[in-house]
Amino acid sequence: MNDETFNLELRKFLKHFGVTAQREIEQAVAQGRASGRLKGSETLKARAVLSIEGLGTLATIDGDIHLE
């Protein structure tokens, strides 16, 4: 295993995940507000699950996203 390659690939994956996740959450909140399901003052419960094929679930991260 090449540690430098692994580190670069891991960082690339995490950057892609972060950008994609933020965009998806922003779009979901905008749609929720447009449809009236969200007022814009809620605190949303969020969960991200990290799993890797062959290794299983490695981490589950729970958090709150405050809209106001």
PDB file of N, CA and C in Angstrom:
ATOM      1  N   MET A   1       0.853  -1.179   0.000  1.00  0.00           N
ATOM      2  CA  MET A   1       0.000   0.000   0.000  1.00  0.00           C
ATOM      3  C   MET A   1       0.895   1.238   0.000  1.00  0.00           C
ATOM      4  N   ASN A   2       0.516   2.201  -0.808  1.00  0.00           N
ATOM      5  CA  ASN A   2       1.235   3.471  -0.866  1.00  0.00           C
ATOM      6  C   ASN A   2       0.474   4.476   0.006  1.00  0.00           C
ATOM      7  N   ASP A   3       1.055   4.863   1.135  1.00  0.00           N
ATOM      8  CA  ASP A   3       0.375   5.759   2.082  1.00  0.00           C
ATOM      9  C   ASP A   3       0.032   7.103   1.463  1.00  0.00           C
ATOM     10  N   GLU A   4       0.907   7.620   0.626  1.00  0.00           N
ATOM     11  CA  GLU A   4       0.646   8.922   0.010  1.00  0.00           C
ATOM     12  C   GLU A   4      -0.544   8.845  -0.945  1.00  0.00           C
ATOM     13  N   THR A   5      -0.591   7.815  -1.764  1.00  0.00           N
ATOM     14  CA  THR A   5      -1.721   7.628  -2.684  1.00  0.00           C
ATOM     15  C   THR A   5      -3.008   7.449  -1.902  1.00  0.00           C
ATOM     16  N   PHE A   6      -2.962   6.615  -0.857  1.00  0.00           N
ATOM     17  CA  PHE A   6      -4.146   6.387  -0.027  1.00  0.00           C
ATOM     18  C   PHE A   6      -4.649   7.691   0.567  1.00  0.00           C
ATOM     19  N   ASN A   7      -3.747   8.490   1.124  1.00  0.00           N
ATOM     20  CA  ASN A   7      -4.124   9.760   1.737  1.00  0.00           C
ATOM     21  C   ASN A   7      -4.763  10.694   0.715  1.00  0.00           C
ATOM     22  N   LEU A   8      -4.191  10.783  -0.470  1.00  0.00           N
ATOM     23  CA  LEU A   8      -4.748  11.650  -1.513  1.00  0.00           C
ATOM     24  C   LEU A   8      -6.126  11.169  -1.960  1.00  0.00           C
ATOM     25  N   GLU A   9      -6.275   9.875  -2.147  1.00  0.00           N
ATOM     26  CA  GLU A   9      -7.564   9.317  -2.555  1.00  0.00           C
ATOM     27  C   GLU A   9      -8.622   9.512  -1.477  1.00  0.00           C
ATOM     28  N   LEU A  10      -8.229   9.342  -0.228  1.00  0.00           N
ATOM     29  CA  LEU A  10      -9.156   9.545   0.883  1.00  0.00           C
ATOM     30  C   LEU A  10      -9.616  10.997   0.946  1.00  0.00           C
ATOM     31  N   ARG A  11      -8.693  11.924   0.819  1.00  0.00           N
ATOM     32  CA  ARG A  11      -9.046  13.353   0.830  1.00  0.00           C
ATOM     33  C   ARG A  11      -9.962  13.707  -0.348  1.00  0.00           C
ATOM     34  N   LYS A  12      -9.684  13.133  -1.512  1.00  0.00           N
ATOM     35  CA  LYS A  12     -10.516  13.388  -2.687  1.00  0.00           C
ATOM     36  C   LYS A  12     -11.941  12.878  -2.452  1.00  0.00           C
ATOM     37  N   PHE A  13     -12.064  11.675  -1.887  1.00  0.00           N
ATOM     38  CA  PHE A  13     -13.373  11.118  -1.589  1.00  0.00           C
ATOM     39  C   PHE A  13     -14.132  11.989  -0.594  1.00  0.00           C
ATOM     40  N   LEU A  14     -13.457  12.392   0.489  1.00  0.00           N
ATOM     41  CA  LEU A  14     -14.112  13.199   1.520  1.00  0.00           C
ATOM     42  C   LEU A  14     -14.526  14.572   0.997  1.00  0.00           C
ATOM     43  N   LYS A  15     -13.716  15.169   0.140  1.00  0.00           N
ATOM     44  CA  LYS A  15     -14.080  16.452  -0.449  1.00  0.00           C
ATOM     45  C   LYS A  15     -15.310  16.299  -1.325  1.00  0.00           C
ATOM     46  N   HIS A  16     -15.325  15.255  -2.150  1.00  0.00           N
ATOM     47  CA  HIS A  16     -16.475  14.995  -3.025  1.00  0.00           C
ATOM     48  C   HIS A  16     -17.732  14.753  -2.194  1.00  0.00           C
ATOM     49  N   PHE A  17     -17.596  13.976  -1.125  1.00  0.00           N
ATOM     50  CA  PHE A  17     -18.737  13.711  -0.253  1.00  0.00           C
ATOM     51  C   PHE A  17     -19.258  14.997   0.372  1.00  0.00           C
ATOM     52  N   GLY A  18     -18.359  15.809   0.911  1.00  0.00           N
ATOM     53  CA  GLY A  18     -18.771  17.045   1.581  1.00  0.00           C
ATOM     54  C   GLY A  18     -19.487  17.995   0.659  1.00  0.00           C
ATOM     55  N   VAL A  19     -18.952  18.192  -0.534  1.00  0.00           N
ATOM     56  CA  VAL A  19     -19.570  19.102  -1.502  1.00  0.00           C
ATOM     57  C   VAL A  19     -20.937  18.568  -1.934  1.00  0.00           C
ATOM     58  N   THR A  20     -20.999  17.270  -2.218  1.00  0.00           N
ATOM     59  CA  THR A  20     -22.255  16.657  -2.662  1.00  0.00           C
ATOM     60  C   THR A  20     -23.299  16.685  -1.557  1.00  0.00           C
ATOM     61  N   ALA A  21     -22.907  16.338  -0.343  1.00  0.00           N
ATOM     62  CA  ALA A  21     -23.846  16.321   0.775  1.00  0.00           C
ATOM     63  C   ALA A  21     -24.402  17.716   1.040  1.00  0.00           C
ATOM     64  N   GLN A  22     -23.549  18.734   1.012  1.00  0.00           N
ATOM     65  CA  GLN A  22     -24.020  20.092   1.256  1.00  0.00           C
ATOM     66  C   GLN A  22     -25.034  20.506   0.195  1.00  0.00           C
ATOM     67  N   ARG A  23     -24.735  20.214  -1.066  1.00  0.00           N
ATOM     68  CA  ARG A  23     -25.645  20.577  -2.157  1.00  0.00           C
ATOM     69  C   ARG A  23     -26.990  19.865  -1.999  1.00  0.00           C
ATOM     70  N   GLU A  24     -26.963  18.587  -1.662  1.00  0.00           N
ATOM     71  CA  GLU A  24     -28.209  17.820  -1.503  1.00  0.00           C
ATOM     72  C   GLU A  24     -29.039  18.349  -0.329  1.00  0.00           C
ATOM     73  N   ILE A  25     -28.389  18.677   0.774  1.00  0.00           N
ATOM     74  CA  ILE A  25     -29.113  19.210   1.933  1.00  0.00           C
ATOM     75  C   ILE A  25     -29.717  20.574   1.595  1.00  0.00           C
ATOM     76  N   GLU A  26     -28.945  21.428   0.941  1.00  0.00           N
ATOM     77  CA  GLU A  26     -29.460  22.749   0.555  1.00  0.00           C
ATOM     78  C   GLU A  26     -30.675  22.619  -0.358  1.00  0.00           C
ATOM     79  N   GLN A  27     -30.608  21.715  -1.331  1.00  0.00           N
ATOM     80  CA  GLN A  27     -31.734  21.525  -2.252  1.00  0.00           C
ATOM     81  C   GLN A  27     -32.953  20.966  -1.527  1.00  0.00           C
ATOM     82  N   ALA A  28     -32.747  20.008  -0.622  1.00  0.00           N
ATOM     83  CA  ALA A  28     -33.858  19.424   0.124  1.00  0.00           C
ATOM     84  C   ALA A  28     -34.527  20.458   1.017  1.00  0.00           C
ATOM     85  N   VAL A  29     -33.733  21.296   1.665  1.00  0.00           N
ATOM     86  CA  VAL A  29     -34.306  22.342   2.523  1.00  0.00           C
ATOM     87  C   VAL A  29     -35.065  23.357   1.675  1.00  0.00           C
ATOM     88  N   ALA A  30     -34.514  23.753   0.545  1.00  0.00           N
ATOM     89  CA  ALA A  30     -35.210  24.699  -0.342  1.00  0.00           C
ATOM     90  C   ALA A  30     -36.537  24.118  -0.820  1.00  0.00           C
ATOM     91  N   GLN A  31     -36.551  22.843  -1.184  1.00  0.00           N
ATOM     92  CA  GLN A  31     -37.796  22.202  -1.617  1.00  0.00           C
ATOM     93  C   GLN A  31     -38.788  22.090  -0.462  1.00  0.00           C
ATOM     94  N   GLY A  32     -38.273  21.793   0.725  1.00  0.00           N
ATOM     95  CA  GLY A  32     -39.136  21.715   1.901  1.00  0.00           C
ATOM     96  C   GLY A  32     -39.779  23.048   2.232  1.00  0.00           C
ATOM     97  N   ARG A  33     -39.008  24.111   2.084  1.00  0.00           N
ATOM     98  CA  ARG A  33     -39.564  25.449   2.334  1.00  0.00           C
ATOM     99  C   ARG A  33     -40.564  25.817   1.247  1.00  0.00           C
ATOM    100  N   ALA A  34     -40.254  25.518  -0.002  1.00  0.00           N
ATOM    101  CA  ALA A  34     -41.145  25.863  -1.113  1.00  0.00           C
ATOM    102  C   ALA A  34     -42.473  25.115  -1.012  1.00  0.00           C
ATOM    103  N   SER A  35     -42.437  23.883  -0.522  1.00  0.00           N
ATOM    104  CA  SER A  35     -43.662  23.081  -0.425  1.00  0.00           C
ATOM    105  C   SER A  35     -44.434  23.354   0.860  1.00  0.00           C
ATOM    106  N   GLY A  36     -43.834  24.073   1.786  1.00  0.00           N
ATOM    107  CA  GLY A  36     -44.487  24.363   3.053  1.00  0.00           C
ATOM    108  C   GLY A  36     -44.223  23.326   4.135  1.00  0.00           C
ATOM    109  N   ARG A  37     -43.450  22.280   3.832  1.00  0.00           N
ATOM    110  CA  ARG A  37     -43.130  21.280   4.853  1.00  0.00           C
ATOM    111  C   ARG A  37     -42.203  21.842   5.919  1.00  0.00           C
ATOM    112  N   LEU A  38     -41.390  22.819   5.537  1.00  0.00           N
ATOM    113  CA  LEU A  38     -40.492  23.486   6.481  1.00  0.00           C
ATOM    114  C   LEU A  38     -40.848  24.964   6.554  1.00  0.00           C
ATOM    115  N   LYS A  39     -40.783  25.507   7.761  1.00  0.00           N
ATOM    116  CA  LYS A  39     -41.045  26.934   7.945  1.00  0.00           C
ATOM    117  C   LYS A  39     -39.770  27.758   7.858  1.00  0.00           C
ATOM    118  N   GLY A  40     -38.629  27.111   8.109  1.00  0.00           N
ATOM    119  CA  GLY A  40     -37.359  27.820   8.082  1.00  0.00           C
ATOM    120  C   GLY A  40     -36.805  28.112   9.456  1.00  0.00           C
ATOM    121  N   SER A  41     -37.505  27.665  10.487  1.00  0.00           N
ATOM    122  CA  SER A  41     -37.042  27.900  11.854  1.00  0.00           C
ATOM    123  C   SER A  41     -36.741  26.591  12.588  1.00  0.00           C
ATOM    124  N   GLU A  42     -36.861  25.482  11.881  1.00  0.00           N
ATOM    125  CA  GLU A  42     -36.669  24.175  12.489  1.00  0.00           C
ATOM    126  C   GLU A  42     -35.187  23.873  12.767  1.00  0.00           C
ATOM    127  N   THR A  43     -35.026  22.850  13.593  1.00  0.00           N
ATOM    128  CA  THR A  43     -33.723  22.205  13.745  1.00  0.00           C
ATOM    129  C   THR A  43     -33.894  20.810  13.169  1.00  0.00           C
ATOM    130  N   LEU A  44     -33.098  20.503  12.160  1.00  0.00           N
ATOM    131  CA  LEU A  44     -33.216  19.216  11.475  1.00  0.00           C
ATOM    132  C   LEU A  44     -32.233  18.219  12.073  1.00  0.00           C
ATOM    133  N   LYS A  45     -32.709  17.026  12.339  1.00  0.00           N
ATOM    134  CA  LYS A  45     -31.846  15.937  12.800  1.00  0.00           C
ATOM    135  C   LYS A  45     -31.228  15.300  11.565  1.00  0.00           C
ATOM    136  N   ALA A  46     -29.911  15.211  11.534  1.00  0.00           N
ATOM    137  CA  ALA A  46     -29.212  14.647  10.384  1.00  0.00           C
ATOM    138  C   ALA A  46     -28.374  13.448  10.816  1.00  0.00           C
ATOM    139  N   ARG A  47     -28.192  12.518   9.888  1.00  0.00           N
ATOM    140  CA  ARG A  47     -27.355  11.345  10.148  1.00  0.00           C
ATOM    141  C   ARG A  47     -26.581  11.021   8.880  1.00  0.00           C
ATOM    142  N   ALA A  48     -25.300  10.791   9.045  1.00  0.00           N
ATOM    143  CA  ALA A  48     -24.449  10.331   7.949  1.00  0.00           C
ATOM    144  C   ALA A  48     -23.856   8.990   8.370  1.00  0.00           C
ATOM    145  N   VAL A  49     -23.908   8.034   7.449  1.00  0.00           N
ATOM    146  CA  VAL A  49     -23.388   6.703   7.727  1.00  0.00           C
ATOM    147  C   VAL A  49     -22.244   6.434   6.758  1.00  0.00           C
ATOM    148  N   LEU A  50     -21.091   6.091   7.304  1.00  0.00           N
ATOM    149  CA  LEU A  50     -19.929   5.759   6.484  1.00  0.00           C
ATOM    150  C   LEU A  50     -19.789   4.251   6.430  1.00  0.00           C
ATOM    151  N   SER A  51     -19.853   3.720   5.228  1.00  0.00           N
ATOM    152  CA  SER A  51     -19.632   2.288   5.051  1.00  0.00           C
ATOM    153  C   SER A  51     -18.717   2.086   3.856  1.00  0.00           C
ATOM    154  N   ILE A  52     -17.940   1.043   3.932  1.00  0.00           N
ATOM    155  CA  ILE A  52     -17.026   0.695   2.855  1.00  0.00           C
ATOM    156  C   ILE A  52     -17.254  -0.770   2.517  1.00  0.00           C
ATOM    157  N   GLU A  53     -17.485  -1.019   1.245  1.00  0.00           N
ATOM    158  CA  GLU A  53     -17.707  -2.383   0.794  1.00  0.00           C
ATOM    159  C   GLU A  53     -16.547  -3.267   1.255  1.00  0.00           C
ATOM    160  N   GLY A  54     -16.891  -4.372   1.868  1.00  0.00           N
ATOM    161  CA  GLY A  54     -15.879  -5.284   2.375  1.00  0.00           C
ATOM    162  C   GLY A  54     -15.450  -5.001   3.804  1.00  0.00           C
ATOM    163  N   LEU A  55     -15.740  -3.802   4.297  1.00  0.00           N
ATOM    164  CA  LEU A  55     -15.381  -3.439   5.667  1.00  0.00           C
ATOM    165  C   LEU A  55     -16.610  -3.172   6.535  1.00  0.00           C
ATOM    166  N   GLY A  56     -17.745  -2.936   5.913  1.00  0.00           N
ATOM    167  CA  GLY A  56     -18.980  -2.699   6.646  1.00  0.00           C
ATOM    168  C   GLY A  56     -19.133  -1.247   7.073  1.00  0.00           C
ATOM    169  N   THR A  57     -20.002  -1.035   8.055  1.00  0.00           N
ATOM    170  CA  THR A  57     -20.245   0.302   8.581  1.00  0.00           C
ATOM    171  C   THR A  57     -19.115   0.679   9.524  1.00  0.00           C
ATOM    172  N   LEU A  58     -18.497   1.815   9.233  1.00  0.00           N
ATOM    173  CA  LEU A  58     -17.356   2.271  10.031  1.00  0.00           C
ATOM    174  C   LEU A  58     -17.734   3.345  11.036  1.00  0.00           C
ATOM    175  N   ALA A  59     -18.719   4.168  10.681  1.00  0.00           N
ATOM    176  CA  ALA A  59     -19.100   5.260  11.580  1.00  0.00           C
ATOM    177  C   ALA A  59     -20.504   5.738  11.242  1.00  0.00           C
ATOM    178  N   THR A  60     -21.201   6.166  12.265  1.00  0.00           N
ATOM    179  CA  THR A  60     -22.489   6.839  12.108  1.00  0.00           C
ATOM    180  C   THR A  60     -22.368   8.153  12.861  1.00  0.00           C
ATOM    181  N   ILE A  61     -22.645   9.246  12.152  1.00  0.00           N
ATOM    182  CA  ILE A  61     -22.511  10.573  12.745  1.00  0.00           C
ATOM    183  C   ILE A  61     -23.889  11.217  12.774  1.00  0.00           C
ATOM    184  N   ASP A  62     -24.331  11.582  13.956  1.00  0.00           N
ATOM    185  CA  ASP A  62     -25.611  12.276  14.139  1.00  0.00           C
ATOM    186  C   ASP A  62     -25.333  13.729  14.486  1.00  0.00           C
ATOM    187  N   GLY A  63     -26.197  14.600  14.010  1.00  0.00           N
ATOM    188  CA  GLY A  63     -26.043  16.005  14.339  1.00  0.00           C
ATOM    189  C   GLY A  63     -27.305  16.783  14.058  1.00  0.00           C
ATOM    190  N   ASP A  64     -27.292  18.018  14.453  1.00  0.00           N
ATOM    191  CA  ASP A  64     -28.419  18.923  14.233  1.00  0.00           C
ATOM    192  C   ASP A  64     -28.018  20.005  13.235  1.00  0.00           C
ATOM    193  N   ILE A  65     -28.970  20.359  12.377  1.00  0.00           N
ATOM    194  CA  ILE A  65     -28.779  21.466  11.448  1.00  0.00           C
ATOM    195  C   ILE A  65     -29.850  22.495  11.795  1.00  0.00           C
ATOM    196  N   HIS A  66     -29.421  23.608  12.354  1.00  0.00           N
ATOM    197  CA  HIS A  66     -30.335  24.682  12.740  1.00  0.00           C
ATOM    198  C   HIS A  66     -30.603  25.577  11.541  1.00  0.00           C
ATOM    199  N   LEU A  67     -31.862  25.808  11.222  1.00  0.00           N
ATOM    200  CA  LEU A  67     -32.202  26.658  10.090  1.00  0.00           C
ATOM    201  C   LEU A  67     -32.301  28.123  10.485  1.00  0.00           C
ATOM    202  N   GLU A  68     -32.370  28.379  11.759  1.00  0.00           N
ATOM    203  CA  GLU A  68     -32.472  29.778  12.205  1.00  0.00           C
ATOM    204  C   GLU A  68     -31.529  30.009  13.343  1.00  0.00           C
TER     205      GLU A  68
END
